[in-house]
């Protein structure tokens, strides 16, 4: 296949996609040029087999942004990959990342990642040579894009934690890693991990047996007598607060 090719085709490999349970796209957008492969905006749920077979030994940069990916099966075949773009997909806390020793740049912006500790553990194992990482737009990245309640302190604490765990990073999110950050991260980064409460099951109050029974309806007086007025008694002392009863004849 020519090293410079732009493809926009209908019903390409439709039979192959259906046989492997992949999403059938009416128009497939694929661009490849000198090691750079772009397969964005195709609404795929997994990496197509034809993409793996034709480009896994050629691509050094792979852009799979703006799809529906949560399963990265087949990515392990791209052993020469140095840059991977997975922005605007469905990557979540359950997504598994295959080991790619040559990968240096990874962008996971605008996905569904909540557990930062879990993600960092996976990335350290899968991509030992990672130097550039971006997580903007995920709940795991506490900046104003995620939630308006986050502030600069929240985001800086997040950076300290990530840098303490991934010491080889040169660039995080939208800014380079500063030497002062590295120094501070080595000092307090491990303490910046955000502790989240464990989800508890809601208790149905109706299912709890109570030893008490409601009062019978006959106890309630249908015509209660209420009077208002000023008391002619003034109470002092520790026994005066709500411990005396005033009868109607005392009003």
C-alpha atoms as a PDB file:
ATOM      1  CA  UNK A   1       0.000   0.000   0.000  1.00  0.00           C
ATOM      2  CA  UNK A   2       1.230   3.488  -0.851  1.00  0.00           C
ATOM      3  CA  UNK A   3       2.816   5.339   2.079  1.00  0.00           C
ATOM      4  CA  UNK A   4       0.633   8.379   1.360  1.00  0.00           C
ATOM      5  CA  UNK A   5      -3.003   7.363   1.113  1.00  0.00           C
ATOM      6  CA  UNK A   6      -6.381   8.824   1.997  1.00  0.00           C
ATOM      7  CA  UNK A   7      -9.355   6.479   1.998  1.00  0.00           C
ATOM      8  CA  UNK A   8     -13.036   7.334   2.262  1.00  0.00           C
ATOM      9  CA  UNK A   9     -14.968   4.249   1.234  1.00  0.00           C
ATOM     10  CA  UNK A  10     -18.417   2.705   1.718  1.00  0.00           C
ATOM     11  CA  UNK A  11     -19.039  -0.816   2.973  1.00  0.00           C
ATOM     12  CA  UNK A  12     -15.310  -1.651   3.099  1.00  0.00           C
ATOM     13  CA  UNK A  13     -14.663  -5.024   4.704  1.00  0.00           C
ATOM     14  CA  UNK A  14     -18.248  -5.059   5.950  1.00  0.00           C
ATOM     15  CA  UNK A  15     -18.412  -8.853   6.012  1.00  0.00           C
ATOM     16  CA  UNK A  16     -15.174  -9.059   7.988  1.00  0.00           C
ATOM     17  CA  UNK A  17     -16.394  -6.503  10.533  1.00  0.00           C
ATOM     18  CA  UNK A  18     -19.696  -8.287  11.093  1.00  0.00           C
ATOM     19  CA  UNK A  19     -18.013 -11.681  11.491  1.00  0.00           C
ATOM     20  CA  UNK A  20     -15.828 -10.335  14.278  1.00  0.00           C
ATOM     21  CA  UNK A  21     -18.598  -8.483  16.058  1.00  0.00           C
ATOM     22  CA  UNK A  22     -17.268  -5.054  15.178  1.00  0.00           C
ATOM     23  CA  UNK A  23     -19.246  -1.941  14.395  1.00  0.00           C
ATOM     24  CA  UNK A  24     -20.326  -1.641  10.779  1.00  0.00           C
ATOM     25  CA  UNK A  25     -19.582   1.872   9.561  1.00  0.00           C
ATOM     26  CA  UNK A  26     -21.198   3.237   6.448  1.00  0.00           C
ATOM     27  CA  UNK A  27     -18.173   5.388   5.629  1.00  0.00           C
ATOM     28  CA  UNK A  28     -14.701   4.461   6.831  1.00  0.00           C
ATOM     29  CA  UNK A  29     -12.269   7.324   7.354  1.00  0.00           C
ATOM     30  CA  UNK A  30      -8.649   6.225   7.281  1.00  0.00           C
ATOM     31  CA  UNK A  31      -5.498   8.228   6.714  1.00  0.00           C
ATOM     32  CA  UNK A  32      -1.940   6.911   6.642  1.00  0.00           C
ATOM     33  CA  UNK A  33       1.270   8.795   5.905  1.00  0.00           C
ATOM     34  CA  UNK A  34       4.858   7.766   6.668  1.00  0.00           C
ATOM     35  CA  UNK A  35       4.164   5.945   9.908  1.00  0.00           C
ATOM     36  CA  UNK A  36       1.235   8.101  11.033  1.00  0.00           C
ATOM     37  CA  UNK A  37      -2.117   6.334  11.048  1.00  0.00           C
ATOM     38  CA  UNK A  38      -5.400   8.134  11.750  1.00  0.00           C
ATOM     39  CA  UNK A  39      -8.632   6.190  12.225  1.00  0.00           C
ATOM     40  CA  UNK A  40     -10.794   8.773  13.999  1.00  0.00           C
ATOM     41  CA  UNK A  41     -14.556   9.435  13.919  1.00  0.00           C
ATOM     42  CA  UNK A  42     -15.473   5.926  12.774  1.00  0.00           C
ATOM     43  CA  UNK A  43     -17.750   5.082  15.738  1.00  0.00           C
ATOM     44  CA  UNK A  44     -15.961   1.760  16.327  1.00  0.00           C
ATOM     45  CA  UNK A  45     -16.224  -0.233  19.561  1.00  0.00           C
ATOM     46  CA  UNK A  46     -13.032  -2.219  18.989  1.00  0.00           C
ATOM     47  CA  UNK A  47      -9.980  -1.974  16.753  1.00  0.00           C
ATOM     48  CA  UNK A  48     -10.844  -3.543  13.367  1.00  0.00           C
ATOM     49  CA  UNK A  49      -8.849  -6.592  12.285  1.00  0.00           C
ATOM     50  CA  UNK A  50      -8.058  -5.132   8.864  1.00  0.00           C
ATOM     51  CA  UNK A  51      -6.496  -2.105  10.550  1.00  0.00           C
ATOM     52  CA  UNK A  52      -4.282  -4.348  12.677  1.00  0.00           C
ATOM     53  CA  UNK A  53      -3.243  -6.599   9.811  1.00  0.00           C
ATOM     54  CA  UNK A  54      -2.375  -3.795   7.397  1.00  0.00           C
ATOM     55  CA  UNK A  55      -0.676  -1.281   9.678  1.00  0.00           C
ATOM     56  CA  UNK A  56       0.550  -2.868  12.927  1.00  0.00           C
ATOM     57  CA  UNK A  57       4.135  -3.165  11.654  1.00  0.00           C
ATOM     58  CA  UNK A  58       4.149   0.298  10.033  1.00  0.00           C
ATOM     59  CA  UNK A  59       2.471   2.727  12.400  1.00  0.00           C
ATOM     60  CA  UNK A  60       4.534   4.733  14.870  1.00  0.00           C
ATOM     61  CA  UNK A  61       1.718   7.144  15.619  1.00  0.00           C
ATOM     62  CA  UNK A  62      -1.889   5.963  15.969  1.00  0.00           C
ATOM     63  CA  UNK A  63      -4.894   8.283  16.345  1.00  0.00           C
ATOM     64  CA  UNK A  64      -8.109   6.499  17.391  1.00  0.00           C
ATOM     65  CA  UNK A  65      -9.853   9.547  18.833  1.00  0.00           C
ATOM     66  CA  UNK A  66     -13.604  10.224  18.697  1.00  0.00           C
ATOM     67  CA  UNK A  67     -14.701   6.588  18.645  1.00  0.00           C
ATOM     68  CA  UNK A  68     -16.490   4.336  21.177  1.00  0.00           C
ATOM     69  CA  UNK A  69     -13.483   2.333  22.337  1.00  0.00           C
ATOM     70  CA  UNK A  70     -13.302   0.778  25.777  1.00  0.00           C
ATOM     71  CA  UNK A  71     -11.653  -2.458  24.621  1.00  0.00           C
ATOM     72  CA  UNK A  72      -8.104  -2.078  23.278  1.00  0.00           C
ATOM     73  CA  UNK A  73      -7.645  -5.675  22.164  1.00  0.00           C
ATOM     74  CA  UNK A  74      -5.277  -5.848  19.204  1.00  0.00           C
ATOM     75  CA  UNK A  75      -3.286  -2.801  20.244  1.00  0.00           C
ATOM     76  CA  UNK A  76      -0.485  -5.081  21.439  1.00  0.00           C
ATOM     77  CA  UNK A  77       0.285  -5.851  17.779  1.00  0.00           C
ATOM     78  CA  UNK A  78       1.451  -2.260  17.188  1.00  0.00           C
ATOM     79  CA  UNK A  79       4.862  -2.943  18.650  1.00  0.00           C
ATOM     80  CA  UNK A  80       6.551   0.034  16.937  1.00  0.00           C
ATOM     81  CA  UNK A  81       4.059   2.527  18.350  1.00  0.00           C
ATOM     82  CA  UNK A  82       5.558   5.652  19.922  1.00  0.00           C
ATOM     83  CA  UNK A  83       2.470   7.863  20.148  1.00  0.00           C
ATOM     84  CA  UNK A  84      -1.136   6.873  20.886  1.00  0.00           C
ATOM     85  CA  UNK A  85      -4.157   9.200  20.812  1.00  0.00           C
ATOM     86  CA  UNK A  86      -7.343   7.889  22.470  1.00  0.00           C
ATOM     87  CA  UNK A  87      -9.176  11.145  23.154  1.00  0.00           C
ATOM     88  CA  UNK A  88     -12.990  11.187  23.327  1.00  0.00           C
ATOM     89  CA  UNK A  89     -13.589   7.465  23.663  1.00  0.00           C
ATOM     90  CA  UNK A  90     -15.152   5.286  26.380  1.00  0.00           C
ATOM     91  CA  UNK A  91     -11.955   4.325  28.200  1.00  0.00           C
ATOM     92  CA  UNK A  92     -12.864   3.670  31.848  1.00  0.00           C
ATOM     93  CA  UNK A  93     -11.483   2.095  35.008  1.00  0.00           C
ATOM     94  CA  UNK A  94     -11.967  -1.409  33.596  1.00  0.00           C
ATOM     95  CA  UNK A  95      -9.996  -0.860  30.389  1.00  0.00           C
ATOM     96  CA  UNK A  96      -6.842  -2.952  30.079  1.00  0.00           C
ATOM     97  CA  UNK A  97      -3.753  -1.481  28.408  1.00  0.00           C
ATOM     98  CA  UNK A  98      -1.405  -3.865  26.535  1.00  0.00           C
ATOM     99  CA  UNK A  99       2.331  -3.519  27.052  1.00  0.00           C
ATOM    100  CA  UNK A 100       4.046  -1.277  24.504  1.00  0.00           C
ATOM    101  CA  UNK A 101       7.691  -0.709  25.407  1.00  0.00           C
ATOM    102  CA  UNK A 102       8.299   2.000  22.791  1.00  0.00           C
ATOM    103  CA  UNK A 103       5.312   4.195  23.601  1.00  0.00           C
ATOM    104  CA  UNK A 104       6.331   7.673  24.759  1.00  0.00           C
ATOM    105  CA  UNK A 105       3.187   9.759  24.259  1.00  0.00           C
ATOM    106  CA  UNK A 106      -0.333   8.904  25.421  1.00  0.00           C
ATOM    107  CA  UNK A 107      -3.398  11.140  25.412  1.00  0.00           C
ATOM    108  CA  UNK A 108      -6.583   9.980  27.138  1.00  0.00           C
ATOM    109  CA  UNK A 109      -8.457  13.278  27.231  1.00  0.00           C
ATOM    110  CA  UNK A 110     -12.250  13.261  27.646  1.00  0.00           C
ATOM    111  CA  UNK A 111     -12.794   9.646  28.603  1.00  0.00           C
ATOM    112  CA  UNK A 112     -14.531   8.040  31.603  1.00  0.00           C
ATOM    113  CA  UNK A 113     -11.627   7.465  33.983  1.00  0.00           C
ATOM    114  CA  UNK A 114     -12.406   7.991  37.682  1.00  0.00           C
ATOM    115  CA  UNK A 115      -9.794   6.028  39.622  1.00  0.00           C
ATOM    116  CA  UNK A 116      -6.440   7.782  39.235  1.00  0.00           C
ATOM    117  CA  UNK A 117      -4.462   5.348  41.378  1.00  0.00           C
ATOM    118  CA  UNK A 118      -5.736   2.382  39.390  1.00  0.00           C
ATOM    119  CA  UNK A 119      -4.922   4.089  36.077  1.00  0.00           C
ATOM    120  CA  UNK A 120      -1.379   5.087  37.051  1.00  0.00           C
ATOM    121  CA  UNK A 121      -0.647   1.529  38.169  1.00  0.00           C
ATOM    122  CA  UNK A 122      -1.754   0.216  34.759  1.00  0.00           C
ATOM    123  CA  UNK A 123       0.180   2.825  32.796  1.00  0.00           C
ATOM    124  CA  UNK A 124       3.413   2.180  34.672  1.00  0.00           C
ATOM    125  CA  UNK A 125       3.190  -1.514  33.820  1.00  0.00           C
ATOM    126  CA  UNK A 126       2.031  -1.146  30.210  1.00  0.00           C
ATOM    127  CA  UNK A 127       4.157   1.814  29.093  1.00  0.00           C
ATOM    128  CA  UNK A 128       7.485   1.915  30.961  1.00  0.00           C
ATOM    129  CA  UNK A 129       8.937   4.492  28.556  1.00  0.00           C
ATOM    130  CA  UNK A 130       6.076   6.996  28.799  1.00  0.00           C
ATOM    131  CA  UNK A 131       7.186  10.648  28.837  1.00  0.00           C
ATOM    132  CA  UNK A 132       4.111  12.584  27.692  1.00  0.00           C
ATOM    133  CA  UNK A 133       0.692  12.006  29.286  1.00  0.00           C
ATOM    134  CA  UNK A 134      -2.595  13.916  29.136  1.00  0.00           C
ATOM    135  CA  UNK A 135      -5.739  13.090  31.150  1.00  0.00           C
ATOM    136  CA  UNK A 136      -7.751  16.294  30.823  1.00  0.00           C
ATOM    137  CA  UNK A 137     -11.515  15.926  30.839  1.00  0.00           C
ATOM    138  CA  UNK A 138     -11.575  12.830  33.106  1.00  0.00           C
ATOM    139  CA  UNK A 139     -12.896  12.845  36.665  1.00  0.00           C
ATOM    140  CA  UNK A 140      -9.535  11.431  37.698  1.00  0.00           C
ATOM    141  CA  UNK A 141      -7.985  14.738  36.630  1.00  0.00           C
ATOM    142  CA  UNK A 142      -9.436  17.354  39.020  1.00  0.00           C
ATOM    143  CA  UNK A 143      -9.358  20.544  37.004  1.00  0.00           C
ATOM    144  CA  UNK A 144     -12.080  23.007  36.107  1.00  0.00           C
ATOM    145  CA  UNK A 145     -12.893  21.127  32.905  1.00  0.00           C
ATOM    146  CA  UNK A 146     -14.096  18.224  35.034  1.00  0.00           C
ATOM    147  CA  UNK A 147     -15.891  20.113  37.781  1.00  0.00           C
ATOM    148  CA  UNK A 148     -16.310  23.799  38.567  1.00  0.00           C
ATOM    149  CA  UNK A 149     -15.677  23.057  42.258  1.00  0.00           C
ATOM    150  CA  UNK A 150     -12.072  22.103  41.526  1.00  0.00           C
ATOM    151  CA  UNK A 151      -9.418  24.760  41.910  1.00  0.00           C
ATOM    152  CA  UNK A 152      -5.706  25.200  41.250  1.00  0.00           C
ATOM    153  CA  UNK A 153      -4.772  23.503  44.513  1.00  0.00           C
ATOM    154  CA  UNK A 154      -6.705  20.366  43.611  1.00  0.00           C
ATOM    155  CA  UNK A 155      -5.060  20.185  40.228  1.00  0.00           C
ATOM    156  CA  UNK A 156      -1.576  20.842  41.595  1.00  0.00           C
ATOM    157  CA  UNK A 157      -1.996  18.079  44.180  1.00  0.00           C
ATOM    158  CA  UNK A 158      -2.993  15.755  41.360  1.00  0.00           C
ATOM    159  CA  UNK A 159       0.169  16.685  39.448  1.00  0.00           C
ATOM    160  CA  UNK A 160       2.343  16.015  42.484  1.00  0.00           C
ATOM    161  CA  UNK A 161       0.836  12.577  42.907  1.00  0.00           C
ATOM    162  CA  UNK A 162       1.185  11.597  39.231  1.00  0.00           C
ATOM    163  CA  UNK A 163       4.774  12.846  39.075  1.00  0.00           C
ATOM    164  CA  UNK A 164       5.699  10.989  42.240  1.00  0.00           C
ATOM    165  CA  UNK A 165       4.490   7.747  40.650  1.00  0.00           C
ATOM    166  CA  UNK A 166       5.741   8.384  37.095  1.00  0.00           C
ATOM    167  CA  UNK A 167       9.149   9.968  37.551  1.00  0.00           C
ATOM    168  CA  UNK A 168      10.086   9.897  33.861  1.00  0.00           C
ATOM    169  CA  UNK A 169       7.260  12.175  32.693  1.00  0.00           C
ATOM    170  CA  UNK A 170       8.387  15.313  30.872  1.00  0.00           C
ATOM    171  CA  UNK A 171       4.951  16.673  30.028  1.00  0.00           C
ATOM    172  CA  UNK A 172       1.652  16.274  31.910  1.00  0.00           C
ATOM    173  CA  UNK A 173      -1.655  17.435  30.455  1.00  0.00           C
ATOM    174  CA  UNK A 174      -1.227  20.897  28.968  1.00  0.00           C
ATOM    175  CA  UNK A 175       2.087  21.947  30.489  1.00  0.00           C
ATOM    176  CA  UNK A 176       5.663  20.671  30.810  1.00  0.00           C
ATOM    177  CA  UNK A 177       6.941  19.253  34.079  1.00  0.00           C
ATOM    178  CA  UNK A 178       8.994  21.823  35.993  1.00  0.00           C
ATOM    179  CA  UNK A 179      12.065  20.862  38.059  1.00  0.00           C
ATOM    180  CA  UNK A 180      10.456  22.460  41.124  1.00  0.00           C
ATOM    181  CA  UNK A 181       7.427  20.187  40.656  1.00  0.00           C
ATOM    182  CA  UNK A 182       9.618  17.101  40.500  1.00  0.00           C
ATOM    183  CA  UNK A 183      11.344  18.119  43.731  1.00  0.00           C
ATOM    184  CA  UNK A 184       8.065  18.793  45.521  1.00  0.00           C
ATOM    185  CA  UNK A 185       6.485  15.634  44.124  1.00  0.00           C
ATOM    186  CA  UNK A 186       9.293  13.512  45.581  1.00  0.00           C
ATOM    187  CA  UNK A 187       8.640  15.126  48.962  1.00  0.00           C
ATOM    188  CA  UNK A 188       4.849  15.117  49.273  1.00  0.00           C
ATOM    189  CA  UNK A 189       3.518  13.471  46.112  1.00  0.00           C
ATOM    190  CA  UNK A 190       2.630  10.176  47.771  1.00  0.00           C
ATOM    191  CA  UNK A 191       0.505  12.093  50.303  1.00  0.00           C
ATOM    192  CA  UNK A 192      -1.583  13.744  47.598  1.00  0.00           C
ATOM    193  CA  UNK A 193      -3.566  10.624  46.772  1.00  0.00           C
ATOM    194  CA  UNK A 194      -7.275  11.385  47.096  1.00  0.00           C
ATOM    195  CA  UNK A 195      -9.149   8.972  49.337  1.00  0.00           C
ATOM    196  CA  UNK A 196     -12.664   8.224  48.152  1.00  0.00           C
ATOM    197  CA  UNK A 197     -15.379   6.853  50.455  1.00  0.00           C
ATOM    198  CA  UNK A 198     -16.366   3.259  49.889  1.00  0.00           C
ATOM    199  CA  UNK A 199     -19.768   2.957  48.296  1.00  0.00           C
ATOM    200  CA  UNK A 200     -22.316   1.597  50.753  1.00  0.00           C
ATOM    201  CA  UNK A 201     -25.593  -0.049  50.012  1.00  0.00           C
ATOM    202  CA  UNK A 202     -28.633   2.049  50.750  1.00  0.00           C
ATOM    203  CA  UNK A 203     -30.800   0.696  53.551  1.00  0.00           C
ATOM    204  CA  UNK A 204     -34.519   0.444  53.035  1.00  0.00           C
ATOM    205  CA  UNK A 205     -36.128   1.702  56.236  1.00  0.00           C
ATOM    206  CA  UNK A 206     -39.278  -0.275  55.486  1.00  0.00           C
ATOM    207  CA  UNK A 207     -37.351  -3.558  55.583  1.00  0.00           C
ATOM    208  CA  UNK A 208     -36.058  -2.971  59.133  1.00  0.00           C
ATOM    209  CA  UNK A 209     -38.143  -4.605  61.822  1.00  0.00           C
ATOM    210  CA  UNK A 210     -38.912  -2.264  64.697  1.00  0.00           C
ATOM    211  CA  UNK A 211     -39.796  -3.415  68.246  1.00  0.00           C
ATOM    212  CA  UNK A 212     -42.210  -0.495  68.491  1.00  0.00           C
ATOM    213  CA  UNK A 213     -45.733  -0.374  67.134  1.00  0.00           C
ATOM    214  CA  UNK A 214     -47.537   2.777  65.995  1.00  0.00           C
ATOM    215  CA  UNK A 215     -50.102   4.260  68.351  1.00  0.00           C
ATOM    216  CA  UNK A 216     -53.697   3.163  67.700  1.00  0.00           C
ATOM    217  CA  UNK A 217     -55.877   5.714  66.009  1.00  0.00           C
ATOM    218  CA  UNK A 218     -58.264   5.756  69.007  1.00  0.00           C
ATOM    219  CA  UNK A 219     -55.612   7.449  71.153  1.00  0.00           C
ATOM    220  CA  UNK A 220     -55.799  10.655  69.155  1.00  0.00           C
ATOM    221  CA  UNK A 221     -58.476  13.090  70.276  1.00  0.00           C
ATOM    222  CA  UNK A 222     -60.597  14.154  67.337  1.00  0.00           C
ATOM    223  CA  UNK A 223     -61.414  17.497  69.004  1.00  0.00           C
ATOM    224  CA  UNK A 224     -58.323  18.612  70.892  1.00  0.00           C
ATOM    225  CA  UNK A 225     -58.711  21.625  73.177  1.00  0.00           C
ATOM    226  CA  UNK A 226     -56.016  24.221  72.795  1.00  0.00           C
ATOM    227  CA  UNK A 227     -55.694  27.456  74.725  1.00  0.00           C
ATOM    228  CA  UNK A 228     -53.180  30.260  74.462  1.00  0.00           C
ATOM    229  CA  UNK A 229     -52.139  32.696  77.135  1.00  0.00           C
ATOM    230  CA  UNK A 230     -49.406  33.807  79.502  1.00  0.00           C
ATOM    231  CA  UNK A 231     -48.307  31.749  82.437  1.00  0.00           C
ATOM    232  CA  UNK A 232     -48.419  33.364  85.885  1.00  0.00           C
ATOM    233  CA  UNK A 233     -45.558  31.204  87.034  1.00  0.00           C
ATOM    234  CA  UNK A 234     -41.890  31.844  86.354  1.00  0.00           C
ATOM    235  CA  UNK A 235     -39.534  28.944  86.771  1.00  0.00           C
ATOM    236  CA  UNK A 236     -35.870  29.081  87.641  1.00  0.00           C
ATOM    237  CA  UNK A 237     -33.211  26.436  88.130  1.00  0.00           C
ATOM    238  CA  UNK A 238     -32.073  23.364  86.335  1.00  0.00           C
ATOM    239  CA  UNK A 239     -35.470  21.702  86.505  1.00  0.00           C
ATOM    240  CA  UNK A 240     -37.262  24.577  84.775  1.00  0.00           C
ATOM    241  CA  UNK A 241     -36.470  23.855  81.109  1.00  0.00           C
ATOM    242  CA  UNK A 242     -39.220  21.734  79.709  1.00  0.00           C
ATOM    243  CA  UNK A 243     -39.591  19.651  82.853  1.00  0.00           C
ATOM    244  CA  UNK A 244     -42.804  21.189  84.133  1.00  0.00           C
ATOM    245  CA  UNK A 245     -46.253  20.773  82.615  1.00  0.00           C
ATOM    246  CA  UNK A 246     -48.767  23.595  82.545  1.00  0.00           C
ATOM    247  CA  UNK A 247     -52.394  22.630  82.690  1.00  0.00           C
ATOM    248  CA  UNK A 248     -55.261  24.595  81.228  1.00  0.00           C
ATOM    249  CA  UNK A 249     -56.376  25.774  84.669  1.00  0.00           C
ATOM    250  CA  UNK A 250     -52.947  27.441  85.209  1.00  0.00           C
ATOM    251  CA  UNK A 251     -53.256  29.654  82.123  1.00  0.00           C
END
